[in-house]
């Protein structure tokens, strides 16, 4: 007597083996976080403070102004493969105490960055910052603590530091569109 589940079992076994084979091939094809980090060059870095909206508006009074650190940079692909879907994590720290001020995360290079190409500007603004009565009061604050940005590349659950940058102590107000 023929086993009616025999063909289904064979099919499921073959499907599982093929699935594992495809996963292994894709994991070999996808670069590791170290490969991505060594394939990129961070260029044209600019840092500043910008008026921003805190994630929890209850953090500041309605009459206060909130500013957050921002980093803008471009990525050059100095590797041999096109880079796609590269994630960056920016951690903004108070320079003297290294206490975290805020973070920013972005998944970028979705269209791919070919070897030798340079990306469009990537803008990352912290979710934390400082509040004050006005921009002028913030600019003139003698207790303003310098901030650094540690920039990481992220791949899956792996993370690798690719640079540390001082945040310029200027507050830039973006031009409004008319």
C-alpha atoms as a PDB file:
ATOM      1  CA  UNK A   1       0.000   0.000   0.000  1.00  0.00           C
ATOM      2  CA  UNK A   2       1.294   3.436  -0.980  1.00  0.00           C
ATOM      3  CA  UNK A   3       1.750   6.114   1.717  1.00  0.00           C
ATOM      4  CA  UNK A   4      -0.466   9.115   0.760  1.00  0.00           C
ATOM      5  CA  UNK A   5       1.773  11.531   2.696  1.00  0.00           C
ATOM      6  CA  UNK A   6       4.975  10.404   0.967  1.00  0.00           C
ATOM      7  CA  UNK A   7       4.882  12.963  -1.860  1.00  0.00           C
ATOM      8  CA  UNK A   8       3.939  15.811   0.466  1.00  0.00           C
ATOM      9  CA  UNK A   9       6.753  14.902   2.853  1.00  0.00           C
ATOM     10  CA  UNK A  10       9.257  14.836  -0.011  1.00  0.00           C
ATOM     11  CA  UNK A  11       7.970  18.178  -1.286  1.00  0.00           C
ATOM     12  CA  UNK A  12       8.247  19.787   2.170  1.00  0.00           C
ATOM     13  CA  UNK A  13      11.751  18.381   2.657  1.00  0.00           C
ATOM     14  CA  UNK A  14      12.884  19.708  -0.717  1.00  0.00           C
ATOM     15  CA  UNK A  15      11.273  23.110  -0.010  1.00  0.00           C
ATOM     16  CA  UNK A  16      13.042  23.336   3.382  1.00  0.00           C
ATOM     17  CA  UNK A  17      16.408  22.366   1.907  1.00  0.00           C
ATOM     18  CA  UNK A  18      16.004  24.923  -0.900  1.00  0.00           C
ATOM     19  CA  UNK A  19      14.930  27.574   1.602  1.00  0.00           C
ATOM     20  CA  UNK A  20      18.013  26.989   3.727  1.00  0.00           C
ATOM     21  CA  UNK A  21      20.245  26.991   0.632  1.00  0.00           C
ATOM     22  CA  UNK A  22      18.771  30.298  -0.541  1.00  0.00           C
ATOM     23  CA  UNK A  23      19.201  31.822   2.939  1.00  0.00           C
ATOM     24  CA  UNK A  24      22.841  30.727   3.039  1.00  0.00           C
ATOM     25  CA  UNK A  25      23.530  32.115  -0.447  1.00  0.00           C
ATOM     26  CA  UNK A  26      21.862  35.434   0.433  1.00  0.00           C
ATOM     27  CA  UNK A  27      23.805  35.698   3.694  1.00  0.00           C
ATOM     28  CA  UNK A  28      27.030  35.130   1.763  1.00  0.00           C
ATOM     29  CA  UNK A  29      26.021  37.773  -0.775  1.00  0.00           C
ATOM     30  CA  UNK A  30      24.957  40.375   1.796  1.00  0.00           C
ATOM     31  CA  UNK A  31      27.974  42.202   3.197  1.00  0.00           C
ATOM     32  CA  UNK A  32      28.604  42.126   6.952  1.00  0.00           C
ATOM     33  CA  UNK A  33      28.614  45.281   9.061  1.00  0.00           C
ATOM     34  CA  UNK A  34      32.440  45.285   8.952  1.00  0.00           C
ATOM     35  CA  UNK A  35      32.426  44.983   5.150  1.00  0.00           C
ATOM     36  CA  UNK A  36      29.923  47.843   4.835  1.00  0.00           C
ATOM     37  CA  UNK A  37      31.919  50.009   7.262  1.00  0.00           C
ATOM     38  CA  UNK A  38      35.155  49.409   5.346  1.00  0.00           C
ATOM     39  CA  UNK A  39      33.381  50.092   2.027  1.00  0.00           C
ATOM     40  CA  UNK A  40      32.176  53.565   2.952  1.00  0.00           C
ATOM     41  CA  UNK A  41      33.796  56.896   3.492  1.00  0.00           C
ATOM     42  CA  UNK A  42      31.924  59.608   5.404  1.00  0.00           C
ATOM     43  CA  UNK A  43      32.469  62.932   3.625  1.00  0.00           C
ATOM     44  CA  UNK A  44      31.323  66.563   3.699  1.00  0.00           C
ATOM     45  CA  UNK A  45      30.294  66.372   7.345  1.00  0.00           C
ATOM     46  CA  UNK A  46      28.470  69.366   8.770  1.00  0.00           C
ATOM     47  CA  UNK A  47      27.105  69.610  12.295  1.00  0.00           C
ATOM     48  CA  UNK A  48      24.917  72.238  13.922  1.00  0.00           C
ATOM     49  CA  UNK A  49      21.925  72.825  16.158  1.00  0.00           C
ATOM     50  CA  UNK A  50      18.478  73.427  14.666  1.00  0.00           C
ATOM     51  CA  UNK A  51      15.093  74.436  16.035  1.00  0.00           C
ATOM     52  CA  UNK A  52      13.214  71.157  16.305  1.00  0.00           C
ATOM     53  CA  UNK A  53      10.119  69.523  17.723  1.00  0.00           C
ATOM     54  CA  UNK A  54      10.828  67.209  20.639  1.00  0.00           C
ATOM     55  CA  UNK A  55       9.250  63.742  20.403  1.00  0.00           C
ATOM     56  CA  UNK A  56       7.247  64.440  23.561  1.00  0.00           C
ATOM     57  CA  UNK A  57       5.909  67.961  23.321  1.00  0.00           C
ATOM     58  CA  UNK A  58       5.110  67.824  27.043  1.00  0.00           C
ATOM     59  CA  UNK A  59       8.878  68.054  27.632  1.00  0.00           C
ATOM     60  CA  UNK A  60       8.859  71.796  26.953  1.00  0.00           C
ATOM     61  CA  UNK A  61       6.577  74.690  27.804  1.00  0.00           C
ATOM     62  CA  UNK A  62       4.546  76.224  24.951  1.00  0.00           C
ATOM     63  CA  UNK A  63       6.584  79.453  25.150  1.00  0.00           C
ATOM     64  CA  UNK A  64       9.979  77.688  25.044  1.00  0.00           C
ATOM     65  CA  UNK A  65      12.185  77.031  22.045  1.00  0.00           C
ATOM     66  CA  UNK A  66      13.692  73.584  21.537  1.00  0.00           C
ATOM     67  CA  UNK A  67      16.926  72.956  19.614  1.00  0.00           C
ATOM     68  CA  UNK A  68      18.508  69.632  18.718  1.00  0.00           C
ATOM     69  CA  UNK A  69      21.899  68.635  17.319  1.00  0.00           C
ATOM     70  CA  UNK A  70      22.006  67.631  13.661  1.00  0.00           C
ATOM     71  CA  UNK A  71      24.601  65.927  11.482  1.00  0.00           C
ATOM     72  CA  UNK A  72      24.599  66.108   7.678  1.00  0.00           C
ATOM     73  CA  UNK A  73      26.992  63.959   5.667  1.00  0.00           C
ATOM     74  CA  UNK A  74      27.498  62.139   2.389  1.00  0.00           C
ATOM     75  CA  UNK A  75      28.630  58.559   1.893  1.00  0.00           C
ATOM     76  CA  UNK A  76      31.152  57.523  -0.753  1.00  0.00           C
ATOM     77  CA  UNK A  77      31.186  53.869  -1.779  1.00  0.00           C
ATOM     78  CA  UNK A  78      34.853  52.914  -1.925  1.00  0.00           C
ATOM     79  CA  UNK A  79      34.060  49.202  -2.118  1.00  0.00           C
ATOM     80  CA  UNK A  80      33.554  46.868  -5.061  1.00  0.00           C
ATOM     81  CA  UNK A  81      29.818  46.160  -4.638  1.00  0.00           C
ATOM     82  CA  UNK A  82      26.734  48.348  -4.843  1.00  0.00           C
ATOM     83  CA  UNK A  83      25.535  49.282  -1.360  1.00  0.00           C
ATOM     84  CA  UNK A  84      21.807  49.124  -0.648  1.00  0.00           C
ATOM     85  CA  UNK A  85      19.721  49.619   2.456  1.00  0.00           C
ATOM     86  CA  UNK A  86      22.441  50.863   4.773  1.00  0.00           C
ATOM     87  CA  UNK A  87      21.293  51.976   8.215  1.00  0.00           C
ATOM     88  CA  UNK A  88      23.028  54.610  10.305  1.00  0.00           C
ATOM     89  CA  UNK A  89      22.601  55.327  14.002  1.00  0.00           C
ATOM     90  CA  UNK A  90      23.770  58.668  15.404  1.00  0.00           C
ATOM     91  CA  UNK A  91      24.260  58.903  19.149  1.00  0.00           C
ATOM     92  CA  UNK A  92      24.600  62.437  20.477  1.00  0.00           C
ATOM     93  CA  UNK A  93      26.522  62.666  23.762  1.00  0.00           C
ATOM     94  CA  UNK A  94      27.484  65.479  26.097  1.00  0.00           C
ATOM     95  CA  UNK A  95      31.216  65.766  25.506  1.00  0.00           C
ATOM     96  CA  UNK A  96      32.432  66.142  29.094  1.00  0.00           C
ATOM     97  CA  UNK A  97      30.258  63.532  30.788  1.00  0.00           C
ATOM     98  CA  UNK A  98      29.414  61.327  27.774  1.00  0.00           C
ATOM     99  CA  UNK A  99      25.797  61.272  28.961  1.00  0.00           C
ATOM    100  CA  UNK A 100      23.399  60.588  26.112  1.00  0.00           C
ATOM    101  CA  UNK A 101      21.514  63.613  24.854  1.00  0.00           C
ATOM    102  CA  UNK A 102      19.616  61.818  22.082  1.00  0.00           C
ATOM    103  CA  UNK A 103      19.761  59.559  19.057  1.00  0.00           C
ATOM    104  CA  UNK A 104      18.729  59.403  15.414  1.00  0.00           C
ATOM    105  CA  UNK A 105      18.331  56.403  13.093  1.00  0.00           C
ATOM    106  CA  UNK A 106      17.925  56.267   9.331  1.00  0.00           C
ATOM    107  CA  UNK A 107      17.747  53.556   6.687  1.00  0.00           C
ATOM    108  CA  UNK A 108      19.178  55.018   3.508  1.00  0.00           C
ATOM    109  CA  UNK A 109      20.776  54.221   0.135  1.00  0.00           C
ATOM    110  CA  UNK A 110      17.595  52.419  -0.893  1.00  0.00           C
ATOM    111  CA  UNK A 111      18.217  53.039  -4.600  1.00  0.00           C
ATOM    112  CA  UNK A 112      21.762  51.716  -4.280  1.00  0.00           C
ATOM    113  CA  UNK A 113      25.150  53.394  -4.303  1.00  0.00           C
ATOM    114  CA  UNK A 114      27.527  52.020  -6.930  1.00  0.00           C
ATOM    115  CA  UNK A 115      31.286  51.775  -6.360  1.00  0.00           C
ATOM    116  CA  UNK A 116      32.889  55.226  -6.558  1.00  0.00           C
ATOM    117  CA  UNK A 117      29.579  57.089  -6.256  1.00  0.00           C
ATOM    118  CA  UNK A 118      28.739  59.606  -3.536  1.00  0.00           C
ATOM    119  CA  UNK A 119      25.298  59.802  -1.932  1.00  0.00           C
ATOM    120  CA  UNK A 120      22.915  62.697  -1.596  1.00  0.00           C
ATOM    121  CA  UNK A 121      23.181  64.473   1.776  1.00  0.00           C
ATOM    122  CA  UNK A 122      21.994  62.339   4.684  1.00  0.00           C
ATOM    123  CA  UNK A 123      20.407  64.392   7.473  1.00  0.00           C
ATOM    124  CA  UNK A 124      20.058  63.055  11.014  1.00  0.00           C
ATOM    125  CA  UNK A 125      18.548  65.133  13.827  1.00  0.00           C
ATOM    126  CA  UNK A 126      18.616  64.049  17.455  1.00  0.00           C
ATOM    127  CA  UNK A 127      15.414  63.290  19.317  1.00  0.00           C
ATOM    128  CA  UNK A 128      16.877  65.098  22.345  1.00  0.00           C
ATOM    129  CA  UNK A 129      18.229  68.579  22.805  1.00  0.00           C
ATOM    130  CA  UNK A 130      17.949  71.732  24.871  1.00  0.00           C
ATOM    131  CA  UNK A 131      15.003  74.004  25.644  1.00  0.00           C
ATOM    132  CA  UNK A 132      15.184  77.701  26.444  1.00  0.00           C
ATOM    133  CA  UNK A 133      13.129  80.856  26.485  1.00  0.00           C
ATOM    134  CA  UNK A 134      14.401  81.907  23.030  1.00  0.00           C
ATOM    135  CA  UNK A 135      17.047  81.183  20.407  1.00  0.00           C
ATOM    136  CA  UNK A 136      18.990  84.199  21.684  1.00  0.00           C
ATOM    137  CA  UNK A 137      18.920  82.879  25.265  1.00  0.00           C
ATOM    138  CA  UNK A 138      20.121  79.473  24.065  1.00  0.00           C
ATOM    139  CA  UNK A 139      22.951  80.993  21.997  1.00  0.00           C
ATOM    140  CA  UNK A 140      24.114  83.117  24.951  1.00  0.00           C
ATOM    141  CA  UNK A 141      23.826  80.358  27.585  1.00  0.00           C
ATOM    142  CA  UNK A 142      27.230  80.171  29.363  1.00  0.00           C
ATOM    143  CA  UNK A 143      26.470  76.632  30.551  1.00  0.00           C
ATOM    144  CA  UNK A 144      25.931  75.204  27.065  1.00  0.00           C
ATOM    145  CA  UNK A 145      27.724  71.875  27.136  1.00  0.00           C
ATOM    146  CA  UNK A 146      29.567  70.790  23.967  1.00  0.00           C
ATOM    147  CA  UNK A 147      28.164  67.700  22.252  1.00  0.00           C
ATOM    148  CA  UNK A 148      29.700  64.963  20.096  1.00  0.00           C
ATOM    149  CA  UNK A 149      28.053  62.639  17.609  1.00  0.00           C
ATOM    150  CA  UNK A 150      29.109  59.012  17.392  1.00  0.00           C
ATOM    151  CA  UNK A 151      28.044  57.678  14.005  1.00  0.00           C
ATOM    152  CA  UNK A 152      27.489  53.947  13.591  1.00  0.00           C
ATOM    153  CA  UNK A 153      26.642  51.772  10.606  1.00  0.00           C
ATOM    154  CA  UNK A 154      24.021  49.124  11.413  1.00  0.00           C
ATOM    155  CA  UNK A 155      23.498  45.771   9.709  1.00  0.00           C
ATOM    156  CA  UNK A 156      20.885  43.483  11.243  1.00  0.00           C
ATOM    157  CA  UNK A 157      21.748  43.292  14.921  1.00  0.00           C
ATOM    158  CA  UNK A 158      25.391  44.274  14.380  1.00  0.00           C
ATOM    159  CA  UNK A 159      26.667  47.822  14.829  1.00  0.00           C
ATOM    160  CA  UNK A 160      30.070  49.379  14.068  1.00  0.00           C
ATOM    161  CA  UNK A 161      31.412  52.815  14.953  1.00  0.00           C
ATOM    162  CA  UNK A 162      32.512  54.689  11.816  1.00  0.00           C
ATOM    163  CA  UNK A 163      33.278  58.125  13.215  1.00  0.00           C
ATOM    164  CA  UNK A 164      33.024  60.622  16.061  1.00  0.00           C
ATOM    165  CA  UNK A 165      32.300  64.262  15.251  1.00  0.00           C
ATOM    166  CA  UNK A 166      32.131  67.418  17.365  1.00  0.00           C
ATOM    167  CA  UNK A 167      28.787  69.175  17.002  1.00  0.00           C
ATOM    168  CA  UNK A 168      29.340  72.813  16.016  1.00  0.00           C
ATOM    169  CA  UNK A 169      27.893  75.100  18.656  1.00  0.00           C
ATOM    170  CA  UNK A 170      25.973  77.231  16.154  1.00  0.00           C
ATOM    171  CA  UNK A 171      22.204  77.286  15.878  1.00  0.00           C
ATOM    172  CA  UNK A 172      21.042  77.419  12.254  1.00  0.00           C
ATOM    173  CA  UNK A 173      17.509  78.387  11.430  1.00  0.00           C
ATOM    174  CA  UNK A 174      16.493  76.787   8.123  1.00  0.00           C
ATOM    175  CA  UNK A 175      15.071  79.133   5.489  1.00  0.00           C
ATOM    176  CA  UNK A 176      11.306  78.877   5.148  1.00  0.00           C
ATOM    177  CA  UNK A 177       9.711  78.024   1.825  1.00  0.00           C
ATOM    178  CA  UNK A 178       7.492  80.791   0.476  1.00  0.00           C
END
